[in-house]
Amino acid sequence: MPSRVTSKGQVTIPKPVRDRLGIKPGNLVTFEMAPDGNIIFLKVGRKKPKSRFAALIGSADTGMTTDEIMALMRGDD
């Protein structure tokens, strides 16, 4: 999700990111440098994920039951 930096160094945080992190007006956010050179963006007070994949655990909101997902993956009709 690209976001343009203004002449004042400001950037709009995309809505899906704000929603995912629970960021509301007035909240504090922080930026951390990862050893691999990536930047980690966190809401202050939120725990840092153990890995970039750990943040995704439990985030698949498909609206389907586990049985429906398994049937889809198996190709059941």
PDB file of N, CA and C in Angstrom:
ATOM      1  N   MET A   1       0.835  -1.175   0.000  1.00  0.00           N
ATOM      2  CA  MET A   1       0.000   0.000   0.000  1.00  0.00           C
ATOM      3  C   MET A   1       0.877   1.235   0.000  1.00  0.00           C
ATOM      4  N   PRO A   2       1.091   1.812  -1.139  1.00  0.00           N
ATOM      5  CA  PRO A   2       1.924   3.019  -1.166  1.00  0.00           C
ATOM      6  C   PRO A   2       1.204   4.221  -0.561  1.00  0.00           C
ATOM      7  N   SER A   3       1.988   5.117   0.003  1.00  0.00           N
ATOM      8  CA  SER A   3       1.485   6.354   0.571  1.00  0.00           C
ATOM      9  C   SER A   3       2.513   7.441   0.289  1.00  0.00           C
ATOM     10  N   ARG A   4       2.061   8.579  -0.181  1.00  0.00           N
ATOM     11  CA  ARG A   4       2.965   9.661  -0.558  1.00  0.00           C
ATOM     12  C   ARG A   4       3.369  10.494   0.663  1.00  0.00           C
ATOM     13  N   VAL A   5       4.640  10.872   0.731  1.00  0.00           N
ATOM     14  CA  VAL A   5       5.159  11.721   1.799  1.00  0.00           C
ATOM     15  C   VAL A   5       4.979  13.175   1.368  1.00  0.00           C
ATOM     16  N   THR A   6       4.407  13.995   2.257  1.00  0.00           N
ATOM     17  CA  THR A   6       4.196  15.410   1.949  1.00  0.00           C
ATOM     18  C   THR A   6       5.496  16.184   2.138  1.00  0.00           C
ATOM     19  N   SER A   7       5.483  17.449   1.758  1.00  0.00           N
ATOM     20  CA  SER A   7       6.669  18.302   1.919  1.00  0.00           C
ATOM     21  C   SER A   7       7.031  18.489   3.389  1.00  0.00           C
ATOM     22  N   LYS A   8       6.087  18.251   4.288  1.00  0.00           N
ATOM     23  CA  LYS A   8       6.328  18.357   5.729  1.00  0.00           C
ATOM     24  C   LYS A   8       6.776  17.033   6.332  1.00  0.00           C
ATOM     25  N   GLY A   9       6.968  16.009   5.487  1.00  0.00           N
ATOM     26  CA  GLY A   9       7.394  14.704   5.985  1.00  0.00           C
ATOM     27  C   GLY A   9       6.255  13.885   6.550  1.00  0.00           C
ATOM     28  N   GLN A  10       5.024  14.274   6.263  1.00  0.00           N
ATOM     29  CA  GLN A  10       3.869  13.551   6.783  1.00  0.00           C
ATOM     30  C   GLN A  10       3.395  12.524   5.766  1.00  0.00           C
ATOM     31  N   VAL A  11       2.755  11.490   6.273  1.00  0.00           N
ATOM     32  CA  VAL A  11       2.215  10.445   5.413  1.00  0.00           C
ATOM     33  C   VAL A  11       0.886   9.986   6.012  1.00  0.00           C
ATOM     34  N   THR A  12      -0.059   9.658   5.154  1.00  0.00           N
ATOM     35  CA  THR A  12      -1.337   9.132   5.612  1.00  0.00           C
ATOM     36  C   THR A  12      -1.197   7.626   5.797  1.00  0.00           C
ATOM     37  N   ILE A  13      -1.598   7.137   6.951  1.00  0.00           N
ATOM     38  CA  ILE A  13      -1.567   5.702   7.216  1.00  0.00           C
ATOM     39  C   ILE A  13      -2.817   5.113   6.559  1.00  0.00           C
ATOM     40  N   PRO A  14      -2.646   4.167   5.634  1.00  0.00           N
ATOM     41  CA  PRO A  14      -3.815   3.597   4.962  1.00  0.00           C
ATOM     42  C   PRO A  14      -4.813   3.000   5.953  1.00  0.00           C
ATOM     43  N   LYS A  15      -6.099   3.123   5.637  1.00  0.00           N
ATOM     44  CA  LYS A  15      -7.156   2.648   6.527  1.00  0.00           C
ATOM     45  C   LYS A  15      -7.010   1.176   6.910  1.00  0.00           C
ATOM     46  N   PRO A  16      -6.685   0.262   5.963  1.00  0.00           N
ATOM     47  CA  PRO A  16      -6.531  -1.132   6.388  1.00  0.00           C
ATOM     48  C   PRO A  16      -5.444  -1.314   7.452  1.00  0.00           C
ATOM     49  N   VAL A  17      -4.383  -0.513   7.393  1.00  0.00           N
ATOM     50  CA  VAL A  17      -3.309  -0.587   8.392  1.00  0.00           C
ATOM     51  C   VAL A  17      -3.814  -0.038   9.718  1.00  0.00           C
ATOM     52  N   ARG A  18      -4.511   1.104   9.679  1.00  0.00           N
ATOM     53  CA  ARG A  18      -5.070   1.677  10.919  1.00  0.00           C
ATOM     54  C   ARG A  18      -6.039   0.699  11.566  1.00  0.00           C
ATOM     55  N   ASP A  19      -6.889   0.069  10.744  1.00  0.00           N
ATOM     56  CA  ASP A  19      -7.855  -0.890  11.280  1.00  0.00           C
ATOM     57  C   ASP A  19      -7.154  -2.093  11.892  1.00  0.00           C
ATOM     58  N   ARG A  20      -6.152  -2.622  11.198  1.00  0.00           N
ATOM     59  CA  ARG A  20      -5.419  -3.823  11.649  1.00  0.00           C
ATOM     60  C   ARG A  20      -4.729  -3.576  12.987  1.00  0.00           C
ATOM     61  N   LEU A  21      -4.150  -2.358  13.143  1.00  0.00           N
ATOM     62  CA  LEU A  21      -3.425  -2.035  14.374  1.00  0.00           C
ATOM     63  C   LEU A  21      -4.311  -1.381  15.431  1.00  0.00           C
ATOM     64  N   GLY A  22      -5.551  -1.093  15.079  1.00  0.00           N
ATOM     65  CA  GLY A  22      -6.449  -0.437  16.031  1.00  0.00           C
ATOM     66  C   GLY A  22      -6.046   0.997  16.318  1.00  0.00           C
ATOM     67  N   ILE A  23      -5.502   1.671  15.313  1.00  0.00           N
ATOM     68  CA  ILE A  23      -5.036   3.049  15.486  1.00  0.00           C
ATOM     69  C   ILE A  23      -6.201   4.013  15.330  1.00  0.00           C
ATOM     70  N   LYS A  24      -6.366   4.859  16.325  1.00  0.00           N
ATOM     71  CA  LYS A  24      -7.415   5.888  16.336  1.00  0.00           C
ATOM     72  C   LYS A  24      -6.746   7.258  16.440  1.00  0.00           C
ATOM     73  N   PRO A  25      -7.468   8.340  16.088  1.00  0.00           N
ATOM     74  CA  PRO A  25      -6.897   9.685  16.236  1.00  0.00           C
ATOM     75  C   PRO A  25      -6.387   9.900  17.662  1.00  0.00           C
ATOM     76  N   GLY A  26      -5.180  10.427  17.771  1.00  0.00           N
ATOM     77  CA  GLY A  26      -4.571  10.697  19.074  1.00  0.00           C
ATOM     78  C   GLY A  26      -3.669   9.582  19.578  1.00  0.00           C
ATOM     79  N   ASN A  27      -3.728   8.388  18.978  1.00  0.00           N
ATOM     80  CA  ASN A  27      -2.841   7.293  19.384  1.00  0.00           C
ATOM     81  C   ASN A  27      -1.404   7.607  19.000  1.00  0.00           C
ATOM     82  N   LEU A  28      -0.480   7.022  19.741  1.00  0.00           N
ATOM     83  CA  LEU A  28       0.929   7.135  19.416  1.00  0.00           C
ATOM     84  C   LEU A  28       1.368   5.913  18.629  1.00  0.00           C
ATOM     85  N   VAL A  29       2.278   6.128  17.676  1.00  0.00           N
ATOM     86  CA  VAL A  29       2.877   5.032  16.919  1.00  0.00           C
ATOM     87  C   VAL A  29       4.389   5.173  17.011  1.00  0.00           C
ATOM     88  N   THR A  30       5.085   4.083  16.745  1.00  0.00           N
ATOM     89  CA  THR A  30       6.539   4.111  16.795  1.00  0.00           C
ATOM     90  C   THR A  30       7.104   3.360  15.595  1.00  0.00           C
ATOM     91  N   PHE A  31       8.334   3.677  15.243  1.00  0.00           N
ATOM     92  CA  PHE A  31       9.041   3.037  14.143  1.00  0.00           C
ATOM     93  C   PHE A  31      10.308   2.424  14.714  1.00  0.00           C
ATOM     94  N   GLU A  32      10.555   1.163  14.397  1.00  0.00           N
ATOM     95  CA  GLU A  32      11.755   0.483  14.878  1.00  0.00           C
ATOM     96  C   GLU A  32      12.516  -0.081  13.697  1.00  0.00           C
ATOM     97  N   MET A  33      13.837  -0.055  13.776  1.00  0.00           N
ATOM     98  CA  MET A  33      14.688  -0.629  12.741  1.00  0.00           C
ATOM     99  C   MET A  33      14.911  -2.099  13.043  1.00  0.00           C
ATOM    100  N   ALA A  34      14.587  -2.951  12.087  1.00  0.00           N
ATOM    101  CA  ALA A  34      14.835  -4.391  12.227  1.00  0.00           C
ATOM    102  C   ALA A  34      16.268  -4.680  11.786  1.00  0.00           C
ATOM    103  N   PRO A  35      16.853  -5.761  12.272  1.00  0.00           N
ATOM    104  CA  PRO A  35      18.231  -6.102  11.891  1.00  0.00           C
ATOM    105  C   PRO A  35      18.429  -6.262  10.379  1.00  0.00           C
ATOM    106  N   ASP A  36      17.352  -6.659   9.673  1.00  0.00           N
ATOM    107  CA  ASP A  36      17.472  -6.847   8.221  1.00  0.00           C
ATOM    108  C   ASP A  36      17.311  -5.549   7.442  1.00  0.00           C
ATOM    109  N   GLY A  37      17.146  -4.410   8.137  1.00  0.00           N
ATOM    110  CA  GLY A  37      17.021  -3.116   7.475  1.00  0.00           C
ATOM    111  C   GLY A  37      15.587  -2.666   7.265  1.00  0.00           C
ATOM    112  N   ASN A  38      14.623  -3.550   7.503  1.00  0.00           N
ATOM    113  CA  ASN A  38      13.220  -3.162   7.382  1.00  0.00           C
ATOM    114  C   ASN A  38      12.817  -2.293   8.563  1.00  0.00           C
ATOM    115  N   ILE A  39      11.766  -1.526   8.365  1.00  0.00           N
ATOM    116  CA  ILE A  39      11.220  -0.681   9.421  1.00  0.00           C
ATOM    117  C   ILE A  39       9.952  -1.343   9.943  1.00  0.00           C
ATOM    118  N   ILE A  40       9.826  -1.432  11.258  1.00  0.00           N
ATOM    119  CA  ILE A  40       8.640  -1.998  11.891  1.00  0.00           C
ATOM    120  C   ILE A  40       7.816  -0.838  12.436  1.00  0.00           C
ATOM    121  N   PHE A  41       6.563  -0.792  12.035  1.00  0.00           N
ATOM    122  CA  PHE A  41       5.635   0.274  12.429  1.00  0.00           C
ATOM    123  C   PHE A  41       4.658  -0.319  13.434  1.00  0.00           C
ATOM    124  N   LEU A  42       4.607   0.235  14.646  1.00  0.00           N
ATOM    125  CA  LEU A  42       3.771  -0.319  15.709  1.00  0.00           C
ATOM    126  C   LEU A  42       2.952   0.763  16.392  1.00  0.00           C
ATOM    127  N   LYS A  43       1.787   0.377  16.855  1.00  0.00           N
ATOM    128  CA  LYS A  43       1.022   1.241  17.739  1.00  0.00           C
ATOM    129  C   LYS A  43       1.701   1.150  19.099  1.00  0.00           C
ATOM    130  N   VAL A  44       1.926   2.269  19.765  1.00  0.00           N
ATOM    131  CA  VAL A  44       2.562   2.264  21.078  1.00  0.00           C
ATOM    132  C   VAL A  44       1.663   1.491  22.033  1.00  0.00           C
ATOM    133  N   GLY A  45       2.276   0.578  22.779  1.00  0.00           N
ATOM    134  CA  GLY A  45       1.545  -0.273  23.713  1.00  0.00           C
ATOM    135  C   GLY A  45       1.236  -1.637  23.134  1.00  0.00           C
ATOM    136  N   ARG A  46       1.410  -1.804  21.835  1.00  0.00           N
ATOM    137  CA  ARG A  46       1.176  -3.103  21.195  1.00  0.00           C
ATOM    138  C   ARG A  46       2.484  -3.875  21.215  1.00  0.00           C
ATOM    139  N   LYS A  47       2.402  -5.184  21.485  1.00  0.00           N
ATOM    140  CA  LYS A  47       3.600  -6.009  21.532  1.00  0.00           C
ATOM    141  C   LYS A  47       4.155  -6.228  20.133  1.00  0.00           C
ATOM    142  N   LYS A  48       5.464  -6.207  20.025  1.00  0.00           N
ATOM    143  CA  LYS A  48       6.144  -6.469  18.768  1.00  0.00           C
ATOM    144  C   LYS A  48       6.008  -7.955  18.424  1.00  0.00           C
ATOM    145  N   PRO A  49       5.579  -8.294  17.184  1.00  0.00           N
ATOM    146  CA  PRO A  49       5.467  -9.706  16.831  1.00  0.00           C
ATOM    147  C   PRO A  49       6.831 -10.380  16.800  1.00  0.00           C
ATOM    148  N   LYS A  50       6.861 -11.694  17.095  1.00  0.00           N
ATOM    149  CA  LYS A  50       8.119 -12.434  17.091  1.00  0.00           C
ATOM    150  C   LYS A  50       8.709 -12.512  15.687  1.00  0.00           C
ATOM    151  N   SER A  51       7.863 -12.541  14.689  1.00  0.00           N
ATOM    152  CA  SER A  51       8.319 -12.558  13.303  1.00  0.00           C
ATOM    153  C   SER A  51       7.281 -11.849  12.452  1.00  0.00           C
ATOM    154  N   ARG A  52       7.618 -11.574  11.203  1.00  0.00           N
ATOM    155  CA  ARG A  52       6.653 -10.896  10.336  1.00  0.00           C
ATOM    156  C   ARG A  52       5.449 -11.789  10.054  1.00  0.00           C
ATOM    157  N   PHE A  53       5.609 -13.100  10.224  1.00  0.00           N
ATOM    158  CA  PHE A  53       4.499 -14.017  10.011  1.00  0.00           C
ATOM    159  C   PHE A  53       3.630 -14.144  11.261  1.00  0.00           C
ATOM    160  N   ALA A  54       4.230 -13.939  12.432  1.00  0.00           N
ATOM    161  CA  ALA A  54       3.478 -14.046  13.680  1.00  0.00           C
ATOM    162  C   ALA A  54       2.346 -13.023  13.719  1.00  0.00           C
ATOM    163  N   ALA A  55       2.542 -11.879  13.091  1.00  0.00           N
ATOM    164  CA  ALA A  55       1.514 -10.839  13.086  1.00  0.00           C
ATOM    165  C   ALA A  55       0.283 -11.265  12.301  1.00  0.00           C
ATOM    166  N   LEU A  56       0.425 -12.245  11.426  1.00  0.00           N
ATOM    167  CA  LEU A  56      -0.686 -12.687  10.592  1.00  0.00           C
ATOM    168  C   LEU A  56      -1.504 -13.807  11.213  1.00  0.00           C
ATOM    169  N   ILE A  57      -1.024 -14.405  12.264  1.00  0.00           N
ATOM    170  CA  ILE A  57      -1.718 -15.533  12.876  1.00  0.00           C
ATOM    171  C   ILE A  57      -3.108 -15.100  13.343  1.00  0.00           C
ATOM    172  N   GLY A  58      -4.096 -15.850  12.903  1.00  0.00           N
ATOM    173  CA  GLY A  58      -5.471 -15.576  13.303  1.00  0.00           C
ATOM    174  C   GLY A  58      -6.119 -14.442  12.549  1.00  0.00           C
ATOM    175  N   SER A  59      -5.514 -13.979  11.444  1.00  0.00           N
ATOM    176  CA  SER A  59      -6.059 -12.815  10.750  1.00  0.00           C
ATOM    177  C   SER A  59      -6.889 -13.152   9.528  1.00  0.00           C
ATOM    178  N   ALA A  60      -7.047 -14.427   9.208  1.00  0.00           N
ATOM    179  CA  ALA A  60      -7.808 -14.814   8.021  1.00  0.00           C
ATOM    180  C   ALA A  60      -9.300 -14.794   8.336  1.00  0.00           C
ATOM    181  N   ASP A  61      -9.956 -13.710   8.002  1.00  0.00           N
ATOM    182  CA  ASP A  61     -11.393 -13.598   8.220  1.00  0.00           C
ATOM    183  C   ASP A  61     -12.087 -13.837   6.890  1.00  0.00           C
ATOM    184  N   THR A  62     -12.293 -15.101   6.553  1.00  0.00           N
ATOM    185  CA  THR A  62     -12.860 -15.458   5.251  1.00  0.00           C
ATOM    186  C   THR A  62     -14.372 -15.534   5.276  1.00  0.00           C
ATOM    187  N   GLY A  63     -14.953 -15.599   6.468  1.00  0.00           N
ATOM    188  CA  GLY A  63     -16.389 -15.775   6.570  1.00  0.00           C
ATOM    189  C   GLY A  63     -16.802 -17.217   6.318  1.00  0.00           C
ATOM    190  N   MET A  64     -15.806 -18.121   6.248  1.00  0.00           N
ATOM    191  CA  MET A  64     -16.072 -19.538   6.000  1.00  0.00           C
ATOM    192  C   MET A  64     -15.718 -20.344   7.240  1.00  0.00           C
ATOM    193  N   THR A  65     -16.398 -21.473   7.395  1.00  0.00           N
ATOM    194  CA  THR A  65     -16.058 -22.371   8.499  1.00  0.00           C
ATOM    195  C   THR A  65     -14.810 -23.165   8.117  1.00  0.00           C
ATOM    196  N   THR A  66     -14.201 -23.800   9.095  1.00  0.00           N
ATOM    197  CA  THR A  66     -13.025 -24.636   8.829  1.00  0.00           C
ATOM    198  C   THR A  66     -13.377 -25.758   7.858  1.00  0.00           C
ATOM    199  N   ASP A  67     -14.546 -26.376   8.045  1.00  0.00           N
ATOM    200  CA  ASP A  67     -14.971 -27.456   7.139  1.00  0.00           C
ATOM    201  C   ASP A  67     -15.127 -26.953   5.707  1.00  0.00           C
ATOM    202  N   GLU A  68     -15.676 -25.753   5.539  1.00  0.00           N
ATOM    203  CA  GLU A  68     -15.837 -25.185   4.195  1.00  0.00           C
ATOM    204  C   GLU A  68     -14.484 -24.905   3.545  1.00  0.00           C
ATOM    205  N   ILE A  69     -13.547 -24.405   4.323  1.00  0.00           N
ATOM    206  CA  ILE A  69     -12.203 -24.122   3.806  1.00  0.00           C
ATOM    207  C   ILE A  69     -11.513 -25.419   3.404  1.00  0.00           C
ATOM    208  N   MET A  70     -11.628 -26.452   4.267  1.00  0.00           N
ATOM    209  CA  MET A  70     -11.002 -27.736   3.954  1.00  0.00           C
ATOM    210  C   MET A  70     -11.601 -28.351   2.697  1.00  0.00           C
ATOM    211  N   ALA A  71     -12.917 -28.272   2.537  1.00  0.00           N
ATOM    212  CA  ALA A  71     -13.572 -28.808   1.339  1.00  0.00           C
ATOM    213  C   ALA A  71     -13.114 -28.056   0.101  1.00  0.00           C
ATOM    214  N   LEU A  72     -12.955 -26.752   0.204  1.00  0.00           N
ATOM    215  CA  LEU A  72     -12.485 -25.946  -0.914  1.00  0.00           C
ATOM    216  C   LEU A  72     -11.048 -26.340  -1.288  1.00  0.00           C
ATOM    217  N   MET A  73     -10.211 -26.557  -0.294  1.00  0.00           N
ATOM    218  CA  MET A  73      -8.821 -26.917  -0.555  1.00  0.00           C
ATOM    219  C   MET A  73      -8.706 -28.315  -1.167  1.00  0.00           C
ATOM    220  N   ARG A  74      -9.605 -29.221  -0.766  1.00  0.00           N
ATOM    221  CA  ARG A  74      -9.588 -30.579  -1.312  1.00  0.00           C
ATOM    222  C   ARG A  74     -10.219 -30.656  -2.694  1.00  0.00           C
ATOM    223  N   GLY A  75     -10.993 -29.636  -3.047  1.00  0.00           N
ATOM    224  CA  GLY A  75     -11.676 -29.665  -4.335  1.00  0.00           C
ATOM    225  C   GLY A  75     -12.984 -30.426  -4.278  1.00  0.00           C
ATOM    226  N   ASP A  76     -13.513 -30.609  -3.037  1.00  0.00           N
ATOM    227  CA  ASP A  76     -14.792 -31.295  -2.885  1.00  0.00           C
ATOM    228  C   ASP A  76     -15.909 -30.430  -3.468  1.00  0.00           C
ATOM    229  N   ASP A  77     -16.900 -31.079  -4.029  1.00  0.00           N
ATOM    230  CA  ASP A  77     -18.045 -30.347  -4.579  1.00  0.00           C
ATOM    231  C   ASP A  77     -19.259 -30.492  -3.713  1.00  0.00           C
TER     232      ASP A  77
END
